[in-house]
Amino acid sequence: MSNSAAPGASGAVEVGQAAPAFSLVHQPGQDPIQLSDYAGEQNVVLLFFPLAWSSVCTEELCSIRENYSRYGALDAEILGISVDSPFALQAWSKEESFPFPLLSDFNKEVSGRYGALYDEFFGMQGVSKRAAFVVDKQGIVRYAEVLENAGEQPNFKAIAEILADSEGS
């Protein structure tokens, strides 16, 4: 997969564009996390996923947890995003010991802006698609992948290559 939007990902954010800004709840009662919090400081890997506790989402995020130090070495923070409530995400994160924030896009605004929202998913309307975006320190999208098949996972090798390339520039 190249570092451009996946085929069929109409409306998706494209490589070279400014990443849409957002402010999303991480922990109930705490200040929201904003994409701009990382501007000039770290690259950000946005991982949109359909639903907490589902098998493929658990496999994906546990894999990221196991390789989290690699992303830190590439000066990148991982932000997981789904339409689950912040309470569900907090419980799942605690259960799985995820070292990165899980953000609630309960109102489906951010998933929609990134072109990562199913119209219908197993009878549910407005569930996040599995998608990955790399946003550099200047807020520019350097990698975009929106998957139509929720059973597939993003190309983490390509993501790591993009992050490694950004370190050299």
N, C-alpha and C. Protein backbone atom coordinates (compact mmCIF):
# COMPACT_ATOMS: atom_id res chain seq x y z
N MET A 1 0.86 -1.18 0.00
CA MET A 1 0.00 0.00 0.00
C MET A 1 0.90 1.22 0.00
N SER A 2 0.58 2.14 -0.83
CA SER A 2 1.33 3.39 -0.88
C SER A 2 0.87 4.30 0.25
N ASN A 3 1.54 5.42 0.36
CA ASN A 3 1.18 6.35 1.43
C ASN A 3 0.11 7.32 0.97
N SER A 4 -0.90 6.78 0.32
CA SER A 4 -2.05 7.59 -0.08
C SER A 4 -3.30 6.90 0.39
N ALA A 5 -4.41 7.58 0.27
CA ALA A 5 -5.69 7.01 0.71
C ALA A 5 -5.97 5.73 -0.05
N ALA A 6 -6.55 4.78 0.64
CA ALA A 6 -6.89 3.50 0.02
C ALA A 6 -7.96 3.70 -1.03
N PRO A 7 -7.96 2.84 -2.06
CA PRO A 7 -9.00 2.95 -3.07
C PRO A 7 -10.38 2.86 -2.42
N GLY A 8 -11.31 3.62 -2.92
CA GLY A 8 -12.67 3.58 -2.39
C GLY A 8 -12.86 4.41 -1.14
N ALA A 9 -11.84 5.14 -0.74
CA ALA A 9 -11.93 5.91 0.49
C ALA A 9 -12.35 7.34 0.17
N SER A 10 -13.43 7.48 -0.57
CA SER A 10 -13.86 8.81 -0.99
C SER A 10 -14.12 9.69 0.22
N GLY A 11 -13.70 10.93 0.12
CA GLY A 11 -13.89 11.86 1.21
C GLY A 11 -12.79 11.78 2.26
N ALA A 12 -11.89 10.84 2.11
CA ALA A 12 -10.82 10.68 3.10
C ALA A 12 -9.82 11.82 2.98
N VAL A 13 -9.18 12.12 4.06
CA VAL A 13 -8.10 13.09 4.08
C VAL A 13 -6.96 12.49 3.25
N GLU A 14 -6.30 13.32 2.47
CA GLU A 14 -5.24 12.84 1.60
C GLU A 14 -3.87 13.30 2.07
N VAL A 15 -2.86 12.53 1.66
CA VAL A 15 -1.47 12.86 1.95
C VAL A 15 -1.16 14.25 1.40
N GLY A 16 -0.47 15.05 2.21
CA GLY A 16 -0.09 16.40 1.82
C GLY A 16 -1.04 17.47 2.32
N GLN A 17 -2.23 17.06 2.75
CA GLN A 17 -3.20 18.01 3.30
C GLN A 17 -2.91 18.27 4.77
N ALA A 18 -3.37 19.42 5.24
CA ALA A 18 -3.34 19.68 6.68
C ALA A 18 -4.34 18.74 7.34
N ALA A 19 -3.94 18.13 8.43
CA ALA A 19 -4.83 17.23 9.16
C ALA A 19 -5.95 18.02 9.81
N PRO A 20 -7.19 17.57 9.67
CA PRO A 20 -8.29 18.26 10.34
C PRO A 20 -8.07 18.31 11.86
N ALA A 21 -8.24 19.47 12.41
CA ALA A 21 -8.07 19.66 13.86
C ALA A 21 -9.19 18.94 14.60
N PHE A 22 -8.91 18.55 15.83
CA PHE A 22 -9.95 17.96 16.67
C PHE A 22 -9.62 18.13 18.14
N SER A 23 -10.62 17.96 18.93
CA SER A 23 -10.54 17.96 20.39
C SER A 23 -11.48 16.86 20.86
N LEU A 24 -10.91 15.80 21.46
CA LEU A 24 -11.73 14.65 21.86
C LEU A 24 -11.44 14.25 23.30
N VAL A 25 -12.46 13.70 23.94
CA VAL A 25 -12.35 13.25 25.33
C VAL A 25 -11.50 11.99 25.41
N HIS A 26 -10.57 12.01 26.34
CA HIS A 26 -9.73 10.84 26.62
C HIS A 26 -10.23 10.16 27.88
N GLN A 27 -10.28 10.88 28.95
CA GLN A 27 -10.75 10.35 30.23
C GLN A 27 -11.92 11.22 30.70
N PRO A 28 -13.00 10.60 31.14
CA PRO A 28 -14.12 11.40 31.66
C PRO A 28 -13.64 12.35 32.76
N GLY A 29 -14.04 13.60 32.66
CA GLY A 29 -13.69 14.58 33.68
C GLY A 29 -12.36 15.28 33.46
N GLN A 30 -11.60 14.87 32.45
CA GLN A 30 -10.32 15.51 32.15
C GLN A 30 -10.46 16.37 30.90
N ASP A 31 -9.51 17.29 30.74
CA ASP A 31 -9.51 18.12 29.54
C ASP A 31 -9.37 17.24 28.31
N PRO A 32 -10.03 17.61 27.22
CA PRO A 32 -9.90 16.84 25.98
C PRO A 32 -8.47 16.90 25.44
N ILE A 33 -8.13 15.94 24.62
CA ILE A 33 -6.86 15.94 23.90
C ILE A 33 -7.13 16.55 22.53
N GLN A 34 -6.24 17.44 22.13
CA GLN A 34 -6.37 18.11 20.83
C GLN A 34 -5.19 17.69 19.96
N LEU A 35 -5.43 17.57 18.67
CA LEU A 35 -4.32 17.26 17.76
C LEU A 35 -3.24 18.33 17.88
N SER A 36 -3.65 19.56 18.07
CA SER A 36 -2.69 20.67 18.17
C SER A 36 -1.77 20.55 19.39
N ASP A 37 -2.13 19.72 20.37
CA ASP A 37 -1.25 19.50 21.53
C ASP A 37 0.11 18.96 21.12
N TYR A 38 0.19 18.32 19.95
CA TYR A 38 1.41 17.67 19.49
C TYR A 38 2.17 18.49 18.46
N ALA A 39 1.60 19.60 18.03
CA ALA A 39 2.21 20.43 16.99
C ALA A 39 3.60 20.88 17.40
N GLY A 40 4.55 20.65 16.50
CA GLY A 40 5.93 21.04 16.76
C GLY A 40 6.66 20.14 17.73
N GLU A 41 5.96 19.18 18.31
CA GLU A 41 6.56 18.33 19.35
C GLU A 41 6.75 16.88 18.91
N GLN A 42 5.70 16.28 18.36
CA GLN A 42 5.73 14.87 18.00
C GLN A 42 4.91 14.62 16.75
N ASN A 43 5.30 13.58 16.03
CA ASN A 43 4.44 13.04 14.99
C ASN A 43 3.30 12.32 15.70
N VAL A 44 2.18 12.16 15.01
CA VAL A 44 1.04 11.48 15.61
C VAL A 44 0.54 10.42 14.63
N VAL A 45 0.28 9.23 15.16
CA VAL A 45 -0.36 8.17 14.39
C VAL A 45 -1.78 8.06 14.90
N LEU A 46 -2.73 8.42 14.04
CA LEU A 46 -4.15 8.32 14.39
C LEU A 46 -4.64 6.95 13.92
N LEU A 47 -5.15 6.17 14.85
CA LEU A 47 -5.70 4.85 14.52
C LEU A 47 -7.18 4.85 14.83
N PHE A 48 -8.00 4.97 13.80
CA PHE A 48 -9.44 4.85 13.95
C PHE A 48 -9.76 3.35 13.99
N PHE A 49 -10.68 2.96 14.87
CA PHE A 49 -11.06 1.55 14.96
C PHE A 49 -12.55 1.46 15.26
N PRO A 50 -13.20 0.37 14.80
CA PRO A 50 -14.65 0.28 14.94
C PRO A 50 -15.16 0.23 16.39
N LEU A 51 -14.78 -0.77 17.14
CA LEU A 51 -15.41 -0.95 18.45
C LEU A 51 -14.48 -1.59 19.48
N ALA A 52 -14.46 -1.03 20.66
CA ALA A 52 -13.70 -1.60 21.77
C ALA A 52 -14.16 -3.03 22.03
N TRP A 53 -13.25 -3.84 22.46
CA TRP A 53 -13.46 -5.24 22.83
C TRP A 53 -13.74 -6.17 21.66
N SER A 54 -13.86 -5.66 20.45
CA SER A 54 -14.05 -6.56 19.31
C SER A 54 -12.72 -7.24 19.00
N SER A 55 -12.77 -8.40 18.39
CA SER A 55 -11.57 -9.23 18.25
C SER A 55 -10.46 -8.56 17.43
N VAL A 56 -10.78 -8.02 16.25
CA VAL A 56 -9.74 -7.43 15.42
C VAL A 56 -9.20 -6.14 16.05
N CYS A 57 -10.07 -5.36 16.66
CA CYS A 57 -9.61 -4.12 17.33
C CYS A 57 -8.69 -4.45 18.49
N THR A 58 -9.04 -5.48 19.25
CA THR A 58 -8.19 -5.89 20.37
C THR A 58 -6.84 -6.36 19.85
N GLU A 59 -6.85 -7.17 18.81
CA GLU A 59 -5.60 -7.65 18.22
C GLU A 59 -4.74 -6.48 17.74
N GLU A 60 -5.36 -5.54 17.04
CA GLU A 60 -4.62 -4.39 16.51
C GLU A 60 -4.00 -3.56 17.63
N LEU A 61 -4.80 -3.17 18.60
CA LEU A 61 -4.28 -2.27 19.63
C LEU A 61 -3.33 -2.97 20.59
N CYS A 62 -3.52 -4.26 20.83
CA CYS A 62 -2.56 -5.00 21.65
C CYS A 62 -1.22 -5.12 20.92
N SER A 63 -1.25 -5.25 19.61
CA SER A 63 -0.03 -5.27 18.82
C SER A 63 0.70 -3.92 18.94
N ILE A 64 -0.05 -2.84 18.89
CA ILE A 64 0.55 -1.52 19.07
C ILE A 64 1.14 -1.40 20.48
N ARG A 65 0.40 -1.88 21.47
CA ARG A 65 0.90 -1.85 22.86
C ARG A 65 2.24 -2.57 22.96
N GLU A 66 2.34 -3.73 22.32
CA GLU A 66 3.58 -4.53 22.39
C GLU A 66 4.74 -3.86 21.66
N ASN A 67 4.44 -3.01 20.70
CA ASN A 67 5.46 -2.33 19.90
C ASN A 67 5.52 -0.82 20.17
N TYR A 68 4.91 -0.40 21.26
CA TYR A 68 4.77 1.02 21.55
C TYR A 68 6.11 1.75 21.62
N SER A 69 7.12 1.11 22.18
CA SER A 69 8.43 1.77 22.31
C SER A 69 9.03 2.09 20.95
N ARG A 70 8.73 1.29 19.93
CA ARG A 70 9.23 1.57 18.57
C ARG A 70 8.68 2.90 18.06
N TYR A 71 7.43 3.17 18.37
CA TYR A 71 6.83 4.44 17.91
C TYR A 71 7.45 5.61 18.67
N GLY A 72 7.69 5.42 19.95
CA GLY A 72 8.36 6.45 20.73
C GLY A 72 9.75 6.76 20.17
N ALA A 73 10.46 5.71 19.76
CA ALA A 73 11.80 5.88 19.19
C ALA A 73 11.73 6.65 17.86
N LEU A 74 10.57 6.62 17.20
CA LEU A 74 10.37 7.36 15.96
C LEU A 74 9.70 8.71 16.21
N ASP A 75 9.69 9.12 17.48
CA ASP A 75 9.14 10.41 17.90
C ASP A 75 7.67 10.55 17.52
N ALA A 76 6.91 9.47 17.78
CA ALA A 76 5.49 9.48 17.43
C ALA A 76 4.63 9.05 18.62
N GLU A 77 3.49 9.69 18.75
CA GLU A 77 2.48 9.27 19.72
C GLU A 77 1.36 8.59 18.96
N ILE A 78 0.79 7.57 19.58
CA ILE A 78 -0.36 6.86 19.04
C ILE A 78 -1.61 7.44 19.69
N LEU A 79 -2.63 7.71 18.89
CA LEU A 79 -3.93 8.10 19.41
C LEU A 79 -4.97 7.18 18.78
N GLY A 80 -5.63 6.37 19.60
CA GLY A 80 -6.70 5.51 19.12
C GLY A 80 -8.01 6.29 19.17
N ILE A 81 -8.84 6.15 18.14
CA ILE A 81 -10.10 6.89 18.06
C ILE A 81 -11.23 5.96 17.65
N SER A 82 -12.31 5.97 18.41
CA SER A 82 -13.52 5.23 18.02
C SER A 82 -14.74 6.00 18.49
N VAL A 83 -15.91 5.52 18.08
CA VAL A 83 -17.16 6.17 18.48
C VAL A 83 -17.68 5.63 19.81
N ASP A 84 -16.91 4.75 20.45
CA ASP A 84 -17.30 4.25 21.78
C ASP A 84 -17.33 5.41 22.78
N SER A 85 -18.06 5.24 23.86
CA SER A 85 -18.10 6.28 24.89
C SER A 85 -16.76 6.36 25.60
N PRO A 86 -16.43 7.51 26.19
CA PRO A 86 -15.18 7.61 26.93
C PRO A 86 -15.12 6.65 28.11
N PHE A 87 -16.27 6.30 28.67
CA PHE A 87 -16.31 5.38 29.80
C PHE A 87 -15.92 3.97 29.35
N ALA A 88 -16.44 3.53 28.20
CA ALA A 88 -16.08 2.22 27.65
C ALA A 88 -14.60 2.18 27.29
N LEU A 89 -14.12 3.23 26.65
CA LEU A 89 -12.71 3.27 26.26
C LEU A 89 -11.79 3.27 27.46
N GLN A 90 -12.18 3.99 28.50
CA GLN A 90 -11.38 4.02 29.72
C GLN A 90 -11.29 2.61 30.34
N ALA A 91 -12.41 1.92 30.40
CA ALA A 91 -12.42 0.57 30.97
C ALA A 91 -11.60 -0.40 30.13
N TRP A 92 -11.75 -0.32 28.81
CA TRP A 92 -10.99 -1.20 27.91
C TRP A 92 -9.50 -0.92 28.00
N SER A 93 -9.13 0.36 28.02
CA SER A 93 -7.73 0.74 28.12
C SER A 93 -7.11 0.23 29.42
N LYS A 94 -7.86 0.34 30.50
CA LYS A 94 -7.36 -0.14 31.79
C LYS A 94 -7.20 -1.66 31.77
N GLU A 95 -8.18 -2.35 31.22
CA GLU A 95 -8.14 -3.81 31.15
C GLU A 95 -6.96 -4.31 30.32
N GLU A 96 -6.66 -3.62 29.22
CA GLU A 96 -5.60 -4.05 28.30
C GLU A 96 -4.26 -3.34 28.54
N SER A 97 -4.22 -2.41 29.49
CA SER A 97 -3.00 -1.65 29.81
C SER A 97 -2.42 -0.95 28.59
N PHE A 98 -3.28 -0.27 27.84
CA PHE A 98 -2.80 0.48 26.69
C PHE A 98 -2.04 1.71 27.19
N PRO A 99 -0.80 1.92 26.71
CA PRO A 99 0.00 3.06 27.17
C PRO A 99 -0.26 4.34 26.37
N PHE A 100 -1.22 4.32 25.48
CA PHE A 100 -1.53 5.47 24.62
C PHE A 100 -3.00 5.82 24.82
N PRO A 101 -3.37 7.06 24.55
CA PRO A 101 -4.75 7.49 24.75
C PRO A 101 -5.72 6.87 23.75
N LEU A 102 -6.90 6.54 24.24
CA LEU A 102 -8.03 6.16 23.41
C LEU A 102 -9.03 7.30 23.50
N LEU A 103 -9.39 7.86 22.36
CA LEU A 103 -10.23 9.05 22.32
C LEU A 103 -11.63 8.72 21.82
N SER A 104 -12.61 9.30 22.48
CA SER A 104 -14.00 9.06 22.12
C SER A 104 -14.50 10.08 21.11
N ASP A 105 -14.86 9.56 19.95
CA ASP A 105 -15.50 10.37 18.91
C ASP A 105 -16.99 10.02 18.90
N PHE A 106 -17.58 10.05 20.09
CA PHE A 106 -18.96 9.62 20.28
C PHE A 106 -19.93 10.33 19.34
N ASN A 107 -19.65 11.58 19.04
CA ASN A 107 -20.52 12.36 18.16
C ASN A 107 -20.20 12.17 16.68
N LYS A 108 -19.21 11.36 16.39
CA LYS A 108 -18.87 10.93 15.03
C LYS A 108 -18.34 12.05 14.12
N GLU A 109 -17.97 13.16 14.69
CA GLU A 109 -17.53 14.30 13.89
C GLU A 109 -16.14 14.10 13.30
N VAL A 110 -15.20 13.62 14.10
CA VAL A 110 -13.82 13.48 13.64
C VAL A 110 -13.70 12.34 12.64
N SER A 111 -14.32 11.21 12.94
CA SER A 111 -14.30 10.09 11.99
C SER A 111 -14.85 10.53 10.65
N GLY A 112 -15.90 11.31 10.67
CA GLY A 112 -16.50 11.82 9.44
C GLY A 112 -15.56 12.74 8.69
N ARG A 113 -14.89 13.65 9.41
CA ARG A 113 -13.97 14.59 8.76
C ARG A 113 -12.79 13.88 8.11
N TYR A 114 -12.38 12.75 8.69
CA TYR A 114 -11.26 11.99 8.15
C TYR A 114 -11.70 10.96 7.11
N GLY A 115 -12.99 10.91 6.79
CA GLY A 115 -13.48 9.95 5.81
C GLY A 115 -13.42 8.53 6.32
N ALA A 116 -13.52 8.36 7.63
CA ALA A 116 -13.36 7.05 8.27
C ALA A 116 -14.62 6.69 9.07
N LEU A 117 -15.77 6.74 8.41
CA LEU A 117 -17.03 6.47 9.10
C LEU A 117 -17.92 5.62 8.20
N TYR A 118 -18.32 4.46 8.71
CA TYR A 118 -19.27 3.62 7.98
C TYR A 118 -20.65 4.24 8.05
N ASP A 119 -21.38 4.19 6.95
CA ASP A 119 -22.79 4.55 6.99
C ASP A 119 -23.55 3.51 7.80
N GLU A 120 -23.17 2.23 7.58
CA GLU A 120 -23.83 1.11 8.26
C GLU A 120 -22.79 0.03 8.51
N PHE A 121 -22.76 -0.49 9.73
CA PHE A 121 -21.80 -1.52 10.13
C PHE A 121 -22.53 -2.51 11.03
N PHE A 122 -22.83 -3.68 10.49
CA PHE A 122 -23.57 -4.71 11.24
C PHE A 122 -24.85 -4.16 11.86
N GLY A 123 -25.55 -3.35 11.10
CA GLY A 123 -26.81 -2.79 11.56
C GLY A 123 -26.69 -1.53 12.39
N MET A 124 -25.47 -1.11 12.69
CA MET A 124 -25.24 0.12 13.46
C MET A 124 -24.86 1.24 12.50
N GLN A 125 -25.37 2.41 12.72
CA GLN A 125 -25.05 3.55 11.88
C GLN A 125 -23.96 4.40 12.53
N GLY A 126 -22.99 4.80 11.69
CA GLY A 126 -21.96 5.73 12.18
C GLY A 126 -20.92 5.10 13.07
N VAL A 127 -20.29 4.02 12.63
CA VAL A 127 -19.19 3.38 13.35
C VAL A 127 -17.90 3.74 12.61
N SER A 128 -16.84 4.01 13.35
CA SER A 128 -15.55 4.34 12.72
C SER A 128 -15.04 3.17 11.89
N LYS A 129 -14.50 3.50 10.73
CA LYS A 129 -13.79 2.51 9.93
C LYS A 129 -12.40 2.31 10.52
N ARG A 130 -11.81 1.17 10.21
CA ARG A 130 -10.41 0.99 10.59
C ARG A 130 -9.58 1.84 9.63
N ALA A 131 -8.80 2.74 10.17
CA ALA A 131 -8.02 3.66 9.36
C ALA A 131 -6.78 4.10 10.12
N ALA A 132 -5.78 4.52 9.36
CA ALA A 132 -4.54 5.02 9.97
C ALA A 132 -4.08 6.26 9.22
N PHE A 133 -3.64 7.24 9.98
CA PHE A 133 -3.10 8.48 9.43
C PHE A 133 -1.85 8.83 10.21
N VAL A 134 -0.80 9.22 9.50
CA VAL A 134 0.39 9.77 10.15
C VAL A 134 0.36 11.27 9.92
N VAL A 135 0.41 12.01 11.01
CA VAL A 135 0.43 13.47 10.97
C VAL A 135 1.79 13.92 11.48
N ASP A 136 2.51 14.68 10.68
CA ASP A 136 3.84 15.11 11.10
C ASP A 136 3.75 16.27 12.10
N LYS A 137 4.89 16.70 12.56
CA LYS A 137 4.95 17.75 13.59
C LYS A 137 4.40 19.09 13.11
N GLN A 138 4.31 19.26 11.80
CA GLN A 138 3.76 20.50 11.25
C GLN A 138 2.26 20.37 10.97
N GLY A 139 1.67 19.22 11.31
CA GLY A 139 0.24 19.03 11.13
C GLY A 139 -0.18 18.58 9.74
N ILE A 140 0.78 18.08 8.96
CA ILE A 140 0.51 17.64 7.59
C ILE A 140 0.37 16.11 7.58
N VAL A 141 -0.62 15.62 6.85
CA VAL A 141 -0.82 14.18 6.73
C VAL A 141 0.25 13.61 5.81
N ARG A 142 1.01 12.65 6.32
CA ARG A 142 2.09 12.01 5.56
C ARG A 142 1.72 10.58 5.15
N TYR A 143 0.68 10.03 5.73
CA TYR A 143 0.21 8.69 5.38
C TYR A 143 -1.29 8.65 5.68
N ALA A 144 -2.03 8.04 4.76
CA ALA A 144 -3.48 7.91 4.94
C ALA A 144 -3.94 6.57 4.40
N GLU A 145 -4.61 5.81 5.23
CA GLU A 145 -5.13 4.50 4.82
C GLU A 145 -6.48 4.29 5.49
N VAL A 146 -7.52 4.19 4.68
CA VAL A 146 -8.87 3.94 5.19
C VAL A 146 -9.31 2.59 4.62
N LEU A 147 -9.59 1.66 5.50
CA LEU A 147 -9.93 0.30 5.08
C LEU A 147 -11.45 0.12 5.07
N GLU A 148 -11.96 -0.40 3.99
CA GLU A 148 -13.39 -0.71 3.91
C GLU A 148 -13.72 -1.99 4.66
N ASN A 149 -12.77 -2.92 4.70
CA ASN A 149 -12.95 -4.20 5.38
C ASN A 149 -12.40 -4.09 6.80
N ALA A 150 -13.27 -4.11 7.78
CA ALA A 150 -12.85 -3.96 9.18
C ALA A 150 -12.04 -5.15 9.68
N GLY A 151 -12.02 -6.26 8.92
CA GLY A 151 -11.23 -7.42 9.31
C GLY A 151 -9.76 -7.28 8.95
N GLU A 152 -9.42 -6.26 8.17
CA GLU A 152 -8.03 -6.00 7.80
C GLU A 152 -7.42 -5.01 8.78
N GLN A 153 -6.09 -4.98 8.80
CA GLN A 153 -5.39 -4.02 9.65
C GLN A 153 -4.54 -3.10 8.79
N PRO A 154 -4.25 -1.91 9.31
CA PRO A 154 -3.40 -0.98 8.57
C PRO A 154 -2.02 -1.58 8.30
N ASN A 155 -1.33 -1.00 7.34
CA ASN A 155 0.00 -1.42 6.97
C ASN A 155 1.01 -0.76 7.93
N PHE A 156 1.27 -1.44 9.05
CA PHE A 156 2.12 -0.85 10.07
C PHE A 156 3.58 -0.74 9.63
N LYS A 157 4.00 -1.59 8.70
CA LYS A 157 5.35 -1.48 8.15
C LYS A 157 5.49 -0.16 7.39
N ALA A 158 4.50 0.15 6.56
CA ALA A 158 4.52 1.41 5.80
C ALA A 158 4.47 2.61 6.74
N ILE A 159 3.68 2.50 7.80
CA ILE A 159 3.59 3.59 8.78
C ILE A 159 4.95 3.83 9.42
N ALA A 160 5.63 2.75 9.83
CA ALA A 160 6.95 2.88 10.44
C ALA A 160 7.96 3.50 9.46
N GLU A 161 7.85 3.12 8.18
CA GLU A 161 8.75 3.69 7.17
C GLU A 161 8.52 5.19 7.01
N ILE A 162 7.28 5.60 6.99
CA ILE A 162 6.96 7.03 6.88
C ILE A 162 7.52 7.79 8.09
N LEU A 163 7.34 7.21 9.27
CA LEU A 163 7.85 7.86 10.48
C LEU A 163 9.38 7.93 10.46
N ALA A 164 10.03 6.86 10.01
CA ALA A 164 11.50 6.86 9.93
C ALA A 164 11.98 7.90 8.92
N ASP A 165 11.27 8.02 7.78
CA ASP A 165 11.63 9.02 6.78
C ASP A 165 11.47 10.43 7.33
N SER A 166 10.45 10.65 8.14
CA SER A 166 10.22 11.99 8.68
C SER A 166 11.31 12.38 9.68
N GLU A 167 11.93 11.39 10.29
CA GLU A 167 13.02 11.68 11.23
C GLU A 167 14.27 12.17 10.49
N GLY A 168 14.42 11.69 9.25
CA GLY A 168 15.60 12.07 8.48
C GLY A 168 15.47 13.41 7.77
N SER A 169 14.26 13.99 7.79
CA SER A 169 14.08 15.26 7.07
C SER A 169 14.08 16.45 7.98
